[in-house]
PDB file of N, CA and C in Angstrom:
ATOM      1  N   MET A   1       0.646  -1.321  -0.017  1.00  0.00           N
ATOM      2  CA  MET A   1       0.035  -0.003   0.008  1.00  0.00           C
ATOM      3  C   MET A   1       0.835   1.251   0.139  1.00  0.00           C
ATOM      4  N   ALA A   2       0.669   1.952  -0.855  1.00  0.00           N
ATOM      5  CA  ALA A   2       1.404   3.220  -1.069  1.00  0.00           C
ATOM      6  C   ALA A   2       0.665   4.380  -0.496  1.00  0.00           C
ATOM      7  N   PHE A   3       1.534   5.362   0.249  1.00  0.00           N
ATOM      8  CA  PHE A   3       0.855   6.252   0.695  1.00  0.00           C
ATOM      9  C   PHE A   3       1.082   7.505   0.082  1.00  0.00           C
ATOM     10  N   GLN A   4       0.178   8.014  -0.992  1.00  0.00           N
ATOM     11  CA  GLN A   4       0.540   9.301  -2.061  1.00  0.00           C
ATOM     12  C   GLN A   4      -0.540  10.236  -1.721  1.00  0.00           C
ATOM     13  N   THR A   5      -0.099  11.682  -2.100  1.00  0.00           N
ATOM     14  CA  THR A   5      -1.492  12.857  -2.203  1.00  0.00           C
ATOM     15  C   THR A   5      -1.916  12.619  -3.537  1.00  0.00           C
ATOM     16  N   ASP A   6      -3.044  13.234  -3.297  1.00  0.00           N
ATOM     17  CA  ASP A   6      -3.934  12.991  -4.434  1.00  0.00           C
ATOM     18  C   ASP A   6      -2.913  13.897  -5.520  1.00  0.00           C
ATOM     19  N   ARG A   7      -2.386  14.716  -5.114  1.00  0.00           N
ATOM     20  CA  ARG A   7      -1.261  15.782  -6.376  1.00  0.00           C
ATOM     21  C   ARG A   7       0.007  14.538  -6.764  1.00  0.00           C
ATOM     22  N   LYS A   8       0.266  14.043  -6.003  1.00  0.00           N
ATOM     23  CA  LYS A   8       1.037  12.815  -6.495  1.00  0.00           C
ATOM     24  C   LYS A   8       0.767  11.859  -7.694  1.00  0.00           C
ATOM     25  N   ARG A   9      -0.811  11.370  -7.169  1.00  0.00           N
ATOM     26  CA  ARG A   9      -1.375  10.488  -7.881  1.00  0.00           C
ATOM     27  C   ARG A   9      -1.675  11.020  -9.227  1.00  0.00           C
ATOM     28  N   ALA A  10      -2.121  12.211  -9.106  1.00  0.00           N
ATOM     29  CA  ALA A  10      -2.612  12.950 -10.611  1.00  0.00           C
ATOM     30  C   ALA A  10      -1.240  13.328 -11.283  1.00  0.00           C
ATOM     31  N   ALA A  11      -0.184  13.508 -10.742  1.00  0.00           N
ATOM     32  CA  ALA A  11       1.130  14.127 -11.319  1.00  0.00           C
ATOM     33  C   ALA A  11       1.182  13.167 -12.833  1.00  0.00           C
ATOM     34  N   GLY A  12       1.382  13.856 -14.145  1.00  0.00           N
ATOM     35  CA  GLY A  12       1.722  12.920 -15.247  1.00  0.00           C
ATOM     36  C   GLY A  12       0.764  13.054 -15.752  1.00  0.00           C
ATOM     37  N   LEU A  13      -0.869  12.954 -15.142  1.00  0.00           N
ATOM     38  CA  LEU A  13      -2.089  12.383 -15.692  1.00  0.00           C
ATOM     39  C   LEU A  13      -2.611  13.981 -16.830  1.00  0.00           C
ATOM     40  N   GLY A  14      -2.225  14.713 -16.673  1.00  0.00           N
ATOM     41  CA  GLY A  14      -2.881  16.048 -16.881  1.00  0.00           C
ATOM     42  C   GLY A  14      -3.053  15.981 -18.291  1.00  0.00           C
ATOM     43  N   SER A  15      -3.066  17.622 -18.922  1.00  0.00           N
ATOM     44  CA  SER A  15      -3.121  17.952 -20.057  1.00  0.00           C
ATOM     45  C   SER A  15      -1.865  17.290 -21.163  1.00  0.00           C
ATOM     46  N   ALA A  16      -2.086  17.068 -22.352  1.00  0.00           N
ATOM     47  CA  ALA A  16      -1.111  16.519 -22.927  1.00  0.00           C
ATOM     48  C   ALA A  16      -0.615  17.599 -23.549  1.00  0.00           C
ATOM     49  N   LYS A  17      -1.039  19.131 -23.472  1.00  0.00           N
ATOM     50  CA  LYS A  17      -0.903  20.035 -24.026  1.00  0.00           C
ATOM     51  C   LYS A  17      -0.913  20.365 -25.497  1.00  0.00           C
ATOM     52  N   SER A  18      -1.347  19.562 -26.379  1.00  0.00           N
ATOM     53  CA  SER A  18      -1.858  19.553 -27.429  1.00  0.00           C
ATOM     54  C   SER A  18      -3.483  19.564 -27.951  1.00  0.00           C
ATOM     55  N   GLY A  19      -4.228  19.775 -26.912  1.00  0.00           N
ATOM     56  CA  GLY A  19      -5.683  19.446 -27.179  1.00  0.00           C
ATOM     57  C   GLY A  19      -6.271  20.256 -27.920  1.00  0.00           C
ATOM     58  N   THR A  20      -5.604  21.497 -27.591  1.00  0.00           N
ATOM     59  CA  THR A  20      -6.424  22.967 -28.145  1.00  0.00           C
ATOM     60  C   THR A  20      -5.891  23.034 -29.665  1.00  0.00           C
ATOM     61  N   GLN A  21      -4.777  22.472 -29.947  1.00  0.00           N
ATOM     62  CA  GLN A  21      -4.192  22.500 -31.303  1.00  0.00           C
ATOM     63  C   GLN A  21      -4.930  21.356 -32.121  1.00  0.00           C
ATOM     64  N   HIS A  22      -5.358  20.120 -31.532  1.00  0.00           N
ATOM     65  CA  HIS A  22      -6.192  18.856 -32.088  1.00  0.00           C
ATOM     66  C   HIS A  22      -7.590  19.420 -32.408  1.00  0.00           C
ATOM     67  N   HIS A  23      -8.128  20.350 -31.618  1.00  0.00           N
ATOM     68  CA  HIS A  23      -9.396  20.420 -31.581  1.00  0.00           C
ATOM     69  C   HIS A  23      -9.650  21.490 -32.577  1.00  0.00           C
ATOM     70  N   TRP A  24      -8.625  22.412 -32.720  1.00  0.00           N
ATOM     71  CA  TRP A  24      -8.537  23.617 -33.819  1.00  0.00           C
ATOM     72  C   TRP A  24      -8.698  22.710 -35.214  1.00  0.00           C
ATOM     73  N   LEU A  25      -7.719  21.765 -35.164  1.00  0.00           N
ATOM     74  CA  LEU A  25      -7.441  21.220 -36.515  1.00  0.00           C
ATOM     75  C   LEU A  25      -8.743  20.372 -36.912  1.00  0.00           C
ATOM     76  N   MET A  26      -9.430  19.704 -36.069  1.00  0.00           N
ATOM     77  CA  MET A  26     -10.395  19.152 -36.355  1.00  0.00           C
ATOM     78  C   MET A  26     -11.546  19.942 -36.810  1.00  0.00           C
ATOM     79  N   MET A  27     -11.707  21.035 -36.141  1.00  0.00           N
ATOM     80  CA  MET A  27     -12.865  22.333 -36.305  1.00  0.00           C
ATOM     81  C   MET A  27     -12.592  22.755 -37.739  1.00  0.00           C
ATOM     82  N   VAL A  28     -11.018  23.128 -38.186  1.00  0.00           N
ATOM     83  CA  VAL A  28     -10.742  23.475 -39.709  1.00  0.00           C
ATOM     84  C   VAL A  28     -11.036  22.632 -40.631  1.00  0.00           C
ATOM     85  N   THR A  29     -10.711  21.170 -40.571  1.00  0.00           N
ATOM     86  CA  THR A  29     -10.820  20.079 -41.383  1.00  0.00           C
ATOM     87  C   THR A  29     -12.408  19.931 -41.739  1.00  0.00           C
ATOM     88  N   SER A  30     -13.340  19.902 -40.542  1.00  0.00           N
ATOM     89  CA  SER A  30     -14.657  20.097 -40.795  1.00  0.00           C
ATOM     90  C   SER A  30     -15.306  21.023 -41.584  1.00  0.00           C
ATOM     91  N   VAL A  31     -14.773  22.237 -41.475  1.00  0.00           N
ATOM     92  CA  VAL A  31     -15.221  22.913 -42.218  1.00  0.00           C
ATOM     93  C   VAL A  31     -14.958  23.188 -43.750  1.00  0.00           C
ATOM     94  N   ALA A  32     -13.696  22.871 -43.894  1.00  0.00           N
ATOM     95  CA  ALA A  32     -13.235  22.283 -45.153  1.00  0.00           C
ATOM     96  C   ALA A  32     -13.970  21.221 -45.567  1.00  0.00           C
ATOM     97  N   LEU A  33     -14.230  20.083 -45.066  1.00  0.00           N
ATOM     98  CA  LEU A  33     -15.222  19.154 -45.499  1.00  0.00           C
ATOM     99  C   LEU A  33     -16.158  19.255 -45.696  1.00  0.00           C
ATOM    100  N   LEU A  34     -16.991  20.413 -45.124  1.00  0.00           N
ATOM    101  CA  LEU A  34     -18.422  20.757 -45.156  1.00  0.00           C
ATOM    102  C   LEU A  34     -18.335  21.585 -46.800  1.00  0.00           C
ATOM    103  N   VAL A  35     -18.042  22.008 -47.065  1.00  0.00           N
ATOM    104  CA  VAL A  35     -17.385  22.576 -48.624  1.00  0.00           C
ATOM    105  C   VAL A  35     -16.957  21.571 -49.887  1.00  0.00           C
ATOM    106  N   LEU A  36     -15.753  20.729 -49.251  1.00  0.00           N
ATOM    107  CA  LEU A  36     -15.422  19.917 -50.379  1.00  0.00           C
ATOM    108  C   LEU A  36     -16.387  18.639 -50.557  1.00  0.00           C
ATOM    109  N   VAL A  37     -17.035  18.416 -49.544  1.00  0.00           N
ATOM    110  CA  VAL A  37     -17.719  17.261 -50.010  1.00  0.00           C
ATOM    111  C   VAL A  37     -19.035  17.487 -50.849  1.00  0.00           C
ATOM    112  N   PRO A  38     -19.826  18.266 -50.864  1.00  0.00           N
ATOM    113  CA  PRO A  38     -20.431  18.547 -51.606  1.00  0.00           C
ATOM    114  C   PRO A  38     -20.019  18.804 -53.223  1.00  0.00           C
ATOM    115  N   LEU A  39     -19.238  19.718 -52.825  1.00  0.00           N
ATOM    116  CA  LEU A  39     -18.033  20.111 -54.560  1.00  0.00           C
ATOM    117  C   LEU A  39     -17.906  18.376 -54.964  1.00  0.00           C
ATOM    118  N   PHE A  40     -17.207  17.788 -54.372  1.00  0.00           N
ATOM    119  CA  PHE A  40     -17.120  16.322 -54.880  1.00  0.00           C
ATOM    120  C   PHE A  40     -18.164  15.528 -54.900  1.00  0.00           C
ATOM    121  N   ILE A  41     -19.008  15.611 -54.240  1.00  0.00           N
ATOM    122  CA  ILE A  41     -20.448  14.764 -55.158  1.00  0.00           C
ATOM    123  C   ILE A  41     -20.591  15.463 -56.136  1.00  0.00           C
ATOM    124  N   PHE A  42     -20.735  16.886 -56.455  1.00  0.00           N
ATOM    125  CA  PHE A  42     -21.310  17.465 -57.759  1.00  0.00           C
ATOM    126  C   PHE A  42     -20.434  17.102 -58.737  1.00  0.00           C
ATOM    127  N   THR A  43     -19.025  17.251 -58.832  1.00  0.00           N
ATOM    128  CA  THR A  43     -18.256  16.763 -59.525  1.00  0.00           C
ATOM    129  C   THR A  43     -18.101  15.278 -59.514  1.00  0.00           C
ATOM    130  N   PHE A  44     -18.089  14.677 -59.288  1.00  0.00           N
ATOM    131  CA  PHE A  44     -17.936  12.981 -58.991  1.00  0.00           C
ATOM    132  C   PHE A  44     -19.380  12.460 -59.718  1.00  0.00           C
ATOM    133  N   GLY A  45     -20.459  13.075 -59.149  1.00  0.00           N
ATOM    134  CA  GLY A  45     -21.484  12.683 -59.785  1.00  0.00           C
ATOM    135  C   GLY A  45     -21.751  12.790 -60.994  1.00  0.00           C
ATOM    136  N   SER A  46     -21.145  13.973 -61.627  1.00  0.00           N
ATOM    137  CA  SER A  46     -21.524  14.075 -63.173  1.00  0.00           C
ATOM    138  C   SER A  46     -20.123  13.394 -64.111  1.00  0.00           C
ATOM    139  N   ALA A  47     -19.655  12.403 -63.324  1.00  0.00           N
ATOM    140  CA  ALA A  47     -18.864  11.980 -64.061  1.00  0.00           C
ATOM    141  C   ALA A  47     -19.250  10.068 -64.012  1.00  0.00           C
ATOM    142  N   LEU A  48     -20.220   9.639 -63.157  1.00  0.00           N
ATOM    143  CA  LEU A  48     -20.691   8.613 -62.904  1.00  0.00           C
ATOM    144  C   LEU A  48     -21.917   8.157 -63.941  1.00  0.00           C
ATOM    145  N   GLY A  49     -21.785   6.952 -64.444  1.00  0.00           N
ATOM    146  CA  GLY A  49     -22.004   6.100 -65.373  1.00  0.00           C
ATOM    147  C   GLY A  49     -21.373   6.480 -67.078  1.00  0.00           C
ATOM    148  N   LYS A  50     -20.358   7.480 -66.942  1.00  0.00           N
ATOM    149  CA  LYS A  50     -20.094   7.554 -68.359  1.00  0.00           C
ATOM    150  C   LYS A  50     -18.930   6.625 -68.710  1.00  0.00           C
ATOM    151  N   PRO A  51     -18.594   6.690 -69.994  1.00  0.00           N
ATOM    152  CA  PRO A  51     -17.545   5.779 -70.350  1.00  0.00           C
ATOM    153  C   PRO A  51     -16.136   6.361 -69.945  1.00  0.00           C
ATOM    154  N   TYR A  52     -15.116   5.153 -70.308  1.00  0.00           N
ATOM    155  CA  TYR A  52     -13.777   5.411 -69.435  1.00  0.00           C
ATOM    156  C   TYR A  52     -12.912   6.366 -69.963  1.00  0.00           C
ATOM    157  N   GLU A  53     -13.392   6.646 -71.349  1.00  0.00           N
ATOM    158  CA  GLU A  53     -12.544   7.768 -71.682  1.00  0.00           C
ATOM    159  C   GLU A  53     -13.131   9.192 -71.724  1.00  0.00           C
ATOM    160  N   GLU A  54     -14.398   9.283 -71.265  1.00  0.00           N
ATOM    161  CA  GLU A  54     -14.930  10.346 -71.026  1.00  0.00           C
ATOM    162  C   GLU A  54     -14.914  10.781 -69.339  1.00  0.00           C
ATOM    163  N   VAL A  55     -14.438  10.001 -68.538  1.00  0.00           N
ATOM    164  CA  VAL A  55     -14.130  10.068 -67.378  1.00  0.00           C
ATOM    165  C   VAL A  55     -12.877  10.540 -67.291  1.00  0.00           C
ATOM    166  N   LEU A  56     -12.004   9.961 -67.888  1.00  0.00           N
ATOM    167  CA  LEU A  56     -10.485  10.503 -67.861  1.00  0.00           C
ATOM    168  C   LEU A  56     -10.221  11.687 -68.788  1.00  0.00           C
ATOM    169  N   ALA A  57     -11.156  12.149 -69.593  1.00  0.00           N
ATOM    170  CA  ALA A  57     -11.530  13.574 -70.441  1.00  0.00           C
ATOM    171  C   ALA A  57     -11.786  14.497 -69.239  1.00  0.00           C
ATOM    172  N   TYR A  58     -13.061  14.051 -68.308  1.00  0.00           N
ATOM    173  CA  TYR A  58     -13.454  15.060 -67.441  1.00  0.00           C
ATOM    174  C   TYR A  58     -12.351  15.188 -66.414  1.00  0.00           C
ATOM    175  N   TYR A  59     -11.816  14.294 -66.172  1.00  0.00           N
ATOM    176  CA  TYR A  59     -10.817  14.746 -64.486  1.00  0.00           C
ATOM    177  C   TYR A  59      -9.487  14.770 -65.130  1.00  0.00           C
ATOM    178  N   ALA A  60      -9.192  15.395 -66.620  1.00  0.00           N
ATOM    179  CA  ALA A  60      -8.203  15.463 -66.722  1.00  0.00           C
ATOM    180  C   ALA A  60      -8.346  17.410 -66.593  1.00  0.00           C
ATOM    181  N   LYS A  61      -9.506  17.864 -66.812  1.00  0.00           N
ATOM    182  CA  LYS A  61      -9.712  19.233 -66.407  1.00  0.00           C
ATOM    183  C   LYS A  61      -9.082  19.644 -65.030  1.00  0.00           C
ATOM    184  N   PRO A  62      -8.832  20.457 -64.563  1.00  0.00           N
ATOM    185  CA  PRO A  62      -8.441  21.140 -63.522  1.00  0.00           C
ATOM    186  C   PRO A  62      -9.072  21.132 -62.282  1.00  0.00           C
ATOM    187  N   TRP A  63     -10.375  21.600 -62.506  1.00  0.00           N
ATOM    188  CA  TRP A  63     -11.339  21.669 -61.306  1.00  0.00           C
ATOM    189  C   TRP A  63     -11.710  20.573 -60.664  1.00  0.00           C
ATOM    190  N   PRO A  64     -12.063  19.687 -61.526  1.00  0.00           N
ATOM    191  CA  PRO A  64     -12.647  18.155 -60.901  1.00  0.00           C
ATOM    192  C   PRO A  64     -11.425  17.618 -60.213  1.00  0.00           C
ATOM    193  N   ALA A  65     -10.061  17.705 -60.675  1.00  0.00           N
ATOM    194  CA  ALA A  65      -8.926  16.921 -60.049  1.00  0.00           C
ATOM    195  C   ALA A  65      -8.750  17.654 -58.935  1.00  0.00           C
ATOM    196  N   VAL A  66      -8.604  18.879 -58.985  1.00  0.00           N
ATOM    197  CA  VAL A  66      -8.200  19.640 -57.480  1.00  0.00           C
ATOM    198  C   VAL A  66      -9.382  19.225 -56.641  1.00  0.00           C
ATOM    199  N   ILE A  67     -10.506  19.376 -56.851  1.00  0.00           N
ATOM    200  CA  ILE A  67     -11.338  18.959 -55.989  1.00  0.00           C
ATOM    201  C   ILE A  67     -11.211  17.795 -55.386  1.00  0.00           C
ATOM    202  N   ALA A  68     -11.419  16.712 -56.117  1.00  0.00           N
ATOM    203  CA  ALA A  68     -10.733  15.105 -55.776  1.00  0.00           C
ATOM    204  C   ALA A  68      -9.783  14.959 -54.944  1.00  0.00           C
ATOM    205  N   ALA A  69      -8.642  15.603 -55.241  1.00  0.00           N
ATOM    206  CA  ALA A  69      -7.422  15.854 -54.818  1.00  0.00           C
ATOM    207  C   ALA A  69      -7.355  16.401 -53.367  1.00  0.00           C
ATOM    208  N   LEU A  70      -7.907  17.022 -53.158  1.00  0.00           N
ATOM    209  CA  LEU A  70      -8.061  18.282 -51.751  1.00  0.00           C
ATOM    210  C   LEU A  70      -9.156  17.403 -50.855  1.00  0.00           C
ATOM    211  N   THR A  71     -10.316  16.640 -51.553  1.00  0.00           N
ATOM    212  CA  THR A  71     -11.355  16.060 -50.542  1.00  0.00           C
ATOM    213  C   THR A  71     -10.300  14.818 -50.151  1.00  0.00           C
ATOM    214  N   PHE A  72      -9.287  14.036 -50.721  1.00  0.00           N
ATOM    215  CA  PHE A  72      -8.928  12.743 -50.085  1.00  0.00           C
ATOM    216  C   PHE A  72      -8.081  13.292 -49.225  1.00  0.00           C
ATOM    217  N   LEU A  73      -7.059  14.518 -49.460  1.00  0.00           N
ATOM    218  CA  LEU A  73      -6.491  14.796 -48.694  1.00  0.00           C
ATOM    219  C   LEU A  73      -6.911  15.127 -47.313  1.00  0.00           C
ATOM    220  N   VAL A  74      -7.707  16.063 -47.512  1.00  0.00           N
ATOM    221  CA  VAL A  74      -8.283  16.726 -45.978  1.00  0.00           C
ATOM    222  C   VAL A  74      -9.143  15.692 -45.433  1.00  0.00           C
ATOM    223  N   GLY A  75      -9.771  14.963 -45.908  1.00  0.00           N
ATOM    224  CA  GLY A  75     -10.561  13.563 -45.692  1.00  0.00           C
ATOM    225  C   GLY A  75     -10.068  12.617 -44.899  1.00  0.00           C
ATOM    226  N   PHE A  76      -8.833  12.336 -45.451  1.00  0.00           N
ATOM    227  CA  PHE A  76      -8.183  11.282 -44.544  1.00  0.00           C
ATOM    228  C   PHE A  76      -7.418  11.793 -43.572  1.00  0.00           C
ATOM    229  N   PHE A  77      -6.885  13.241 -43.385  1.00  0.00           N
ATOM    230  CA  PHE A  77      -6.487  13.542 -42.438  1.00  0.00           C
ATOM    231  C   PHE A  77      -7.401  13.920 -41.200  1.00  0.00           C
ATOM    232  N   HIS A  78      -8.906  14.403 -41.343  1.00  0.00           N
ATOM    233  CA  HIS A  78      -9.609  14.399 -40.648  1.00  0.00           C
ATOM    234  C   HIS A  78      -9.935  13.551 -40.124  1.00  0.00           C
ATOM    235  N   PHE A  79      -9.919  12.120 -40.803  1.00  0.00           N
ATOM    236  CA  PHE A  79      -9.782  10.547 -40.144  1.00  0.00           C
ATOM    237  C   PHE A  79      -8.821  10.370 -39.443  1.00  0.00           C
ATOM    238  N   SER A  80      -7.480  10.752 -39.600  1.00  0.00           N
ATOM    239  CA  SER A  80      -6.514  10.394 -38.980  1.00  0.00           C
ATOM    240  C   SER A  80      -6.509  10.951 -37.635  1.00  0.00           C
ATOM    241  N   LYS A  81      -6.861  12.257 -37.346  1.00  0.00           N
ATOM    242  CA  LYS A  81      -6.963  12.824 -35.817  1.00  0.00           C
ATOM    243  C   LYS A  81      -8.246  12.233 -35.533  1.00  0.00           C
ATOM    244  N   GLY A  82      -9.373  12.041 -35.675  1.00  0.00           N
ATOM    245  CA  GLY A  82     -10.252  11.617 -35.119  1.00  0.00           C
ATOM    246  C   GLY A  82     -10.163   9.969 -34.645  1.00  0.00           C
ATOM    247  N   ALA A  83      -9.855   9.257 -35.459  1.00  0.00           N
ATOM    248  CA  ALA A  83      -9.160   8.134 -34.920  1.00  0.00           C
ATOM    249  C   ALA A  83      -8.329   7.791 -33.946  1.00  0.00           C
ATOM    250  N   GLN A  84      -7.377   8.683 -33.987  1.00  0.00           N
ATOM    251  CA  GLN A  84      -6.248   8.870 -32.897  1.00  0.00           C
ATOM    252  C   GLN A  84      -6.847   9.345 -32.004  1.00  0.00           C
ATOM    253  N   THR A  85      -7.720  10.290 -31.728  1.00  0.00           N
ATOM    254  CA  THR A  85      -8.923  10.671 -30.422  1.00  0.00           C
ATOM    255  C   THR A  85      -9.452   9.864 -30.058  1.00  0.00           C
ATOM    256  N   LEU A  86     -10.110   8.740 -30.876  1.00  0.00           N
ATOM    257  CA  LEU A  86     -11.063   7.179 -30.439  1.00  0.00           C
ATOM    258  C   LEU A  86      -9.974   6.449 -29.649  1.00  0.00           C
ATOM    259  N   ILE A  87      -8.746   6.372 -30.175  1.00  0.00           N
ATOM    260  CA  ILE A  87      -8.102   5.150 -29.756  1.00  0.00           C
ATOM    261  C   ILE A  87      -7.352   5.695 -28.692  1.00  0.00           C
ATOM    262  N   GLU A  88      -6.775   7.048 -28.301  1.00  0.00           N
ATOM    263  CA  GLU A  88      -6.389   7.385 -27.137  1.00  0.00           C
ATOM    264  C   GLU A  88      -7.293   7.247 -25.944  1.00  0.00           C
ATOM    265  N   ASP A  89      -8.440   7.729 -26.387  1.00  0.00           N
ATOM    266  CA  ASP A  89      -9.974   7.355 -25.340  1.00  0.00           C
ATOM    267  C   ASP A  89      -9.608   5.982 -24.759  1.00  0.00           C
ATOM    268  N   TYR A  90      -9.717   4.935 -25.465  1.00  0.00           N
ATOM    269  CA  TYR A  90     -10.430   3.798 -25.431  1.00  0.00           C
ATOM    270  C   TYR A  90      -9.098   2.686 -25.302  1.00  0.00           C
ATOM    271  N   THR A  91      -8.001   2.914 -25.602  1.00  0.00           N
ATOM    272  CA  THR A  91      -6.743   2.168 -25.117  1.00  0.00           C
ATOM    273  C   THR A  91      -5.976   2.442 -24.567  1.00  0.00           C
ATOM    274  N   HIS A  92      -4.692   1.901 -23.936  1.00  0.00           N
ATOM    275  CA  HIS A  92      -3.744   2.274 -23.252  1.00  0.00           C
ATOM    276  C   HIS A  92      -2.737   1.533 -23.307  1.00  0.00           C
ATOM    277  N   GLY A  93      -1.359   2.202 -23.272  1.00  0.00           N
ATOM    278  CA  GLY A  93       0.180   0.979 -23.063  1.00  0.00           C
ATOM    279  C   GLY A  93       0.519   1.026 -24.776  1.00  0.00           C
ATOM    280  N   THR A  94       1.115  -0.145 -24.621  1.00  0.00           N
ATOM    281  CA  THR A  94       1.579  -0.126 -26.151  1.00  0.00           C
ATOM    282  C   THR A  94       0.696  -0.386 -27.339  1.00  0.00           C
ATOM    283  N   THR A  95      -0.209  -1.159 -26.793  1.00  0.00           N
ATOM    284  CA  THR A  95      -1.437  -1.296 -27.969  1.00  0.00           C
ATOM    285  C   THR A  95      -1.953   0.243 -28.173  1.00  0.00           C
ATOM    286  N   ARG A  96      -2.231   1.252 -27.688  1.00  0.00           N
ATOM    287  CA  ARG A  96      -2.408   2.686 -28.115  1.00  0.00           C
ATOM    288  C   ARG A  96      -1.406   3.286 -28.956  1.00  0.00           C
ATOM    289  N   LYS A  97       0.030   3.319 -28.700  1.00  0.00           N
ATOM    290  CA  LYS A  97       0.862   3.559 -29.285  1.00  0.00           C
ATOM    291  C   LYS A  97       1.121   2.926 -30.953  1.00  0.00           C
ATOM    292  N   ALA A  98       0.569   1.639 -30.787  1.00  0.00           N
ATOM    293  CA  ALA A  98       0.809   0.597 -31.901  1.00  0.00           C
ATOM    294  C   ALA A  98      -0.421   1.202 -32.972  1.00  0.00           C
ATOM    295  N   LEU A  99      -1.607   0.928 -32.620  1.00  0.00           N
ATOM    296  CA  LEU A  99      -2.761   1.364 -32.942  1.00  0.00           C
ATOM    297  C   LEU A  99      -3.063   3.087 -33.685  1.00  0.00           C
ATOM    298  N   VAL A 100      -2.175   3.875 -33.102  1.00  0.00           N
ATOM    299  CA  VAL A 100      -2.193   5.215 -33.136  1.00  0.00           C
ATOM    300  C   VAL A 100      -1.225   5.472 -34.459  1.00  0.00           C
ATOM    301  N   ILE A 101       0.082   4.891 -34.501  1.00  0.00           N
ATOM    302  CA  ILE A 101       1.005   4.623 -35.717  1.00  0.00           C
ATOM    303  C   ILE A 101       0.433   4.012 -36.663  1.00  0.00           C
ATOM    304  N   GLY A 102      -0.351   2.823 -36.705  1.00  0.00           N
ATOM    305  CA  GLY A 102      -1.245   2.158 -37.598  1.00  0.00           C
ATOM    306  C   GLY A 102      -2.202   2.861 -38.548  1.00  0.00           C
ATOM    307  N   VAL A 103      -3.101   3.514 -37.437  1.00  0.00           N
ATOM    308  CA  VAL A 103      -4.319   4.851 -38.014  1.00  0.00           C
ATOM    309  C   VAL A 103      -3.782   5.610 -39.268  1.00  0.00           C
ATOM    310  N   ILE A 104      -2.491   6.384 -38.455  1.00  0.00           N
ATOM    311  CA  ILE A 104      -1.813   7.268 -38.941  1.00  0.00           C
ATOM    312  C   ILE A 104      -1.011   7.057 -40.335  1.00  0.00           C
ATOM    313  N   CYS A 105      -0.423   5.821 -40.267  1.00  0.00           N
ATOM    314  CA  CYS A 105       0.255   5.238 -41.831  1.00  0.00           C
ATOM    315  C   CYS A 105      -0.838   4.670 -42.766  1.00  0.00           C
ATOM    316  N   LEU A 106      -1.924   4.351 -41.880  1.00  0.00           N
ATOM    317  CA  LEU A 106      -3.166   3.870 -42.843  1.00  0.00           C
ATOM    318  C   LEU A 106      -3.620   5.167 -43.718  1.00  0.00           C
ATOM    319  N   SER A 107      -3.863   6.307 -42.863  1.00  0.00           N
ATOM    320  CA  SER A 107      -4.538   7.252 -43.629  1.00  0.00           C
ATOM    321  C   SER A 107      -3.655   7.969 -44.157  1.00  0.00           C
ATOM    322  N   TYR A 108      -2.344   8.163 -44.152  1.00  0.00           N
ATOM    323  CA  TYR A 108      -1.522   8.657 -45.062  1.00  0.00           C
ATOM    324  C   TYR A 108      -1.465   7.928 -46.475  1.00  0.00           C
ATOM    325  N   THR A 109      -1.251   6.668 -46.309  1.00  0.00           N
ATOM    326  CA  THR A 109      -0.847   5.632 -47.116  1.00  0.00           C
ATOM    327  C   THR A 109      -2.497   5.571 -48.220  1.00  0.00           C
ATOM    328  N   LEU A 110      -3.443   6.002 -47.936  1.00  0.00           N
ATOM    329  CA  LEU A 110      -4.851   5.632 -48.374  1.00  0.00           C
ATOM    330  C   LEU A 110      -4.991   7.332 -49.094  1.00  0.00           C
ATOM    331  N   ALA A 111      -4.722   8.115 -48.402  1.00  0.00           N
ATOM    332  CA  ALA A 111      -4.813   9.496 -49.231  1.00  0.00           C
ATOM    333  C   ALA A 111      -3.660   9.496 -50.277  1.00  0.00           C
ATOM    334  N   ALA A 112      -2.496   9.106 -50.035  1.00  0.00           N
ATOM    335  CA  ALA A 112      -1.494   8.907 -51.209  1.00  0.00           C
ATOM    336  C   ALA A 112      -1.923   8.382 -52.565  1.00  0.00           C
ATOM    337  N   PHE A 113      -2.709   7.140 -52.243  1.00  0.00           N
ATOM    338  CA  PHE A 113      -3.398   6.291 -53.350  1.00  0.00           C
ATOM    339  C   PHE A 113      -4.442   7.085 -53.860  1.00  0.00           C
ATOM    340  N   GLY A 114      -4.913   7.886 -52.922  1.00  0.00           N
ATOM    341  CA  GLY A 114      -6.191   8.585 -53.916  1.00  0.00           C
ATOM    342  C   GLY A 114      -5.938   9.651 -54.726  1.00  0.00           C
ATOM    343  N   VAL A 115      -4.712  10.300 -54.226  1.00  0.00           N
ATOM    344  CA  VAL A 115      -4.178  11.940 -54.904  1.00  0.00           C
ATOM    345  C   VAL A 115      -3.437  11.053 -55.996  1.00  0.00           C
ATOM    346  N   PHE A 116      -2.761  10.050 -55.731  1.00  0.00           N
ATOM    347  CA  PHE A 116      -1.704   9.250 -57.199  1.00  0.00           C
ATOM    348  C   PHE A 116      -3.039   9.108 -57.967  1.00  0.00           C
ATOM    349  N   ALA A 117      -4.201   8.314 -57.923  1.00  0.00           N
ATOM    350  CA  ALA A 117      -5.097   7.893 -58.996  1.00  0.00           C
ATOM    351  C   ALA A 117      -5.663   9.587 -59.499  1.00  0.00           C
ATOM    352  N   VAL A 118      -5.836  10.391 -58.790  1.00  0.00           N
ATOM    353  CA  VAL A 118      -6.257  11.714 -59.131  1.00  0.00           C
ATOM    354  C   VAL A 118      -5.328  12.071 -60.066  1.00  0.00           C
ATOM    355  N   ILE A 119      -4.165  12.300 -59.721  1.00  0.00           N
ATOM    356  CA  ILE A 119      -3.206  12.579 -60.979  1.00  0.00           C
ATOM    357  C   ILE A 119      -3.150  11.722 -62.155  1.00  0.00           C
ATOM    358  N   ARG A 120      -3.078  10.350 -61.921  1.00  0.00           N
ATOM    359  CA  ARG A 120      -3.201   9.841 -62.809  1.00  0.00           C
ATOM    360  C   ARG A 120      -3.606   9.982 -64.122  1.00  0.00           C
ATOM    361  N   MET A 121      -5.380  10.162 -63.218  1.00  0.00           N
ATOM    362  CA  MET A 121      -6.219  10.146 -64.492  1.00  0.00           C
ATOM    363  C   MET A 121      -6.260  11.624 -64.753  1.00  0.00           C
ATOM    364  N   ALA A 122      -5.385  12.646 -64.742  1.00  0.00           N
ATOM    365  CA  ALA A 122      -5.380  14.172 -64.854  1.00  0.00           C
ATOM    366  C   ALA A 122      -4.344  14.309 -65.683  1.00  0.00           C
ATOM    367  N   LEU A 123      -3.326  13.374 -65.945  1.00  0.00           N
ATOM    368  CA  LEU A 123      -2.386  13.319 -66.548  1.00  0.00           C
ATOM    369  C   LEU A 123      -2.373  12.343 -67.947  1.00  0.00           C
TER     370      LEU A 123
END
């Protein structure tokens, strides 16, 4: 049995000093997605059902390609931060570190593949 004061037990369990920045990034990406997702649906929806050559010609234009690439980048960054928060809230220790690293790597990889696909169609 250890005799510790309340302050001693709470030491090191306080703020990580990054919560405000994390919250701000989540709010900024949310507002960006509020604009980007309808634009992406509008641009992507007009390409649905068209033949392959017409879709390539459509995404060769700068506007649809930029909207798609930005939606991938901002969306996966937002996913990364949100999943990181979820993992930090419900896991502990080495499992937490491994899952956070895994989610960040997964989201950056998927964003890179999405942007690569858009660039490949655009060029």
